[in-house]
Protein backbone atom coordinates (compact mmCIF):
# COMPACT_ATOMS: atom_id res chain seq x y z
CA UNK A 1 -0.67 10.71 -15.44
CA UNK A 2 0.00 8.85 -17.93
CA UNK A 3 3.43 8.32 -17.32
CA UNK A 4 2.41 7.78 -14.08
CA UNK A 5 0.11 4.75 -14.83
CA UNK A 6 2.90 3.12 -17.05
CA UNK A 7 5.42 3.50 -14.57
CA UNK A 8 3.13 1.78 -11.70
CA UNK A 9 2.30 -1.20 -14.34
CA UNK A 10 6.01 -1.24 -14.90
CA UNK A 11 6.87 -1.83 -11.30
CA UNK A 12 3.94 -4.02 -10.40
CA UNK A 13 6.04 -6.71 -12.80
CA UNK A 14 8.78 -6.32 -10.43
CA UNK A 15 9.04 -9.70 -8.65
CA UNK A 16 10.19 -7.69 -5.43
CA UNK A 17 6.90 -5.41 -5.87
CA UNK A 18 3.35 -5.74 -5.31
CA UNK A 19 0.92 -3.15 -6.67
CA UNK A 20 -2.38 -3.61 -5.48
CA UNK A 21 -5.04 -0.49 -5.88
CA UNK A 22 -7.47 0.45 -3.23
CA UNK A 23 -11.21 1.15 -4.89
CA UNK A 24 -12.69 4.84 -3.91
CA UNK A 25 -15.78 3.25 -3.79
CA UNK A 26 -14.47 1.50 -0.57
CA UNK A 27 -14.73 4.61 1.82
CA UNK A 28 -14.41 3.03 5.06
CA UNK A 29 -11.19 0.89 4.42
CA UNK A 30 -8.28 0.07 7.75
CA UNK A 31 -6.55 2.80 6.90
CA UNK A 32 -8.65 6.06 7.04
CA UNK A 33 -5.80 7.38 9.39
CA UNK A 34 -3.04 7.91 6.61
CA UNK A 35 -0.56 5.98 5.11
CA UNK A 36 2.09 3.75 6.45
CA UNK A 37 4.79 1.29 5.16
CA UNK A 38 5.59 -1.76 6.94
CA UNK A 39 9.29 -2.69 6.71
CA UNK A 40 11.11 -5.80 7.48
CA UNK A 41 14.42 -5.72 8.21
CA UNK A 42 17.54 -8.29 7.17
CA UNK A 43 17.36 -9.73 11.31
CA UNK A 44 13.51 -10.34 10.31
CA UNK A 45 12.45 -7.41 12.92
CA UNK A 46 9.10 -5.41 11.67
CA UNK A 47 8.94 -1.75 11.92
CA UNK A 48 6.37 0.40 10.96
CA UNK A 49 6.65 3.75 9.22
CA UNK A 50 3.86 6.56 9.55
CA UNK A 51 4.00 9.71 7.64
CA UNK A 52 0.82 12.44 7.93
CA UNK A 53 1.16 16.39 7.67
CA UNK A 54 4.37 17.01 8.00
CA UNK A 55 4.90 14.80 10.73
CA UNK A 56 6.78 10.87 10.76
CA UNK A 57 6.79 8.45 13.18
CA UNK A 58 9.03 5.11 13.00
CA UNK A 59 7.04 2.06 15.43
CA UNK A 60 9.11 -0.36 17.03
CA UNK A 61 7.52 -1.55 20.02
CA UNK A 62 5.91 -4.97 19.15
CA UNK A 63 2.64 -4.31 20.19
CA UNK A 64 1.93 -1.15 18.38
CA UNK A 65 3.40 -2.98 15.39
CA UNK A 66 1.32 -6.21 15.71
CA UNK A 67 -1.64 -3.82 15.49
CA UNK A 68 -0.87 -1.80 12.89
CA UNK A 69 0.49 -4.99 10.87
CA UNK A 70 -2.79 -6.36 11.51
CA UNK A 71 -4.27 -3.28 9.79
CA UNK A 72 -2.08 -3.15 7.09
CA UNK A 73 -3.37 -6.96 6.38
CA UNK A 74 -6.86 -5.64 6.42
CA UNK A 75 -6.09 -2.93 3.98
CA UNK A 76 -4.76 -5.71 1.34
CA UNK A 77 -7.82 -7.73 1.90
CA UNK A 78 -9.86 -4.53 0.99
CA UNK A 79 -7.75 -3.70 -1.87
CA UNK A 80 -7.93 -5.21 -5.39
CA UNK A 81 -5.71 -7.61 -5.93
CA UNK A 82 -2.65 -7.22 -7.74
CA UNK A 83 -4.10 -8.48 -11.22
CA UNK A 84 -7.24 -6.63 -10.81
CA UNK A 85 -5.08 -3.21 -9.95
CA UNK A 86 -3.13 -3.04 -12.83
CA UNK A 87 -6.06 -3.76 -15.42
CA UNK A 88 -7.40 -0.73 -13.19
CA UNK A 89 -4.16 1.05 -13.69
CA UNK A 90 -4.61 0.26 -17.62
CA UNK A 91 -8.22 1.07 -17.79
CA UNK A 92 -7.35 4.47 -16.68
CA UNK A 93 -4.53 4.98 -18.75
CA UNK A 94 -6.78 4.14 -21.90
CA UNK A 95 -9.47 6.93 -20.37
CA UNK A 96 -6.55 9.83 -20.97
């Protein structure tokens, strides 16, 4: 587990990576339905990749992508900011 924490903090230092942690104390966050990945293509088309329980789905319809992109934005506001997230990860690593 310690190596995983280390990897996360190393990744967070990269200019193209943002790490944000959703604290377990925030049980009612906007993505209880499962994980999602928001993707922007080189042509600036936004897609959303959903995965869960052995199924995956790529959402491309603009109205559906819009709803999911707004949900993703809400998750980012509910999660710890990047600096707080790295601090928490480092704290957890120190507790091992």
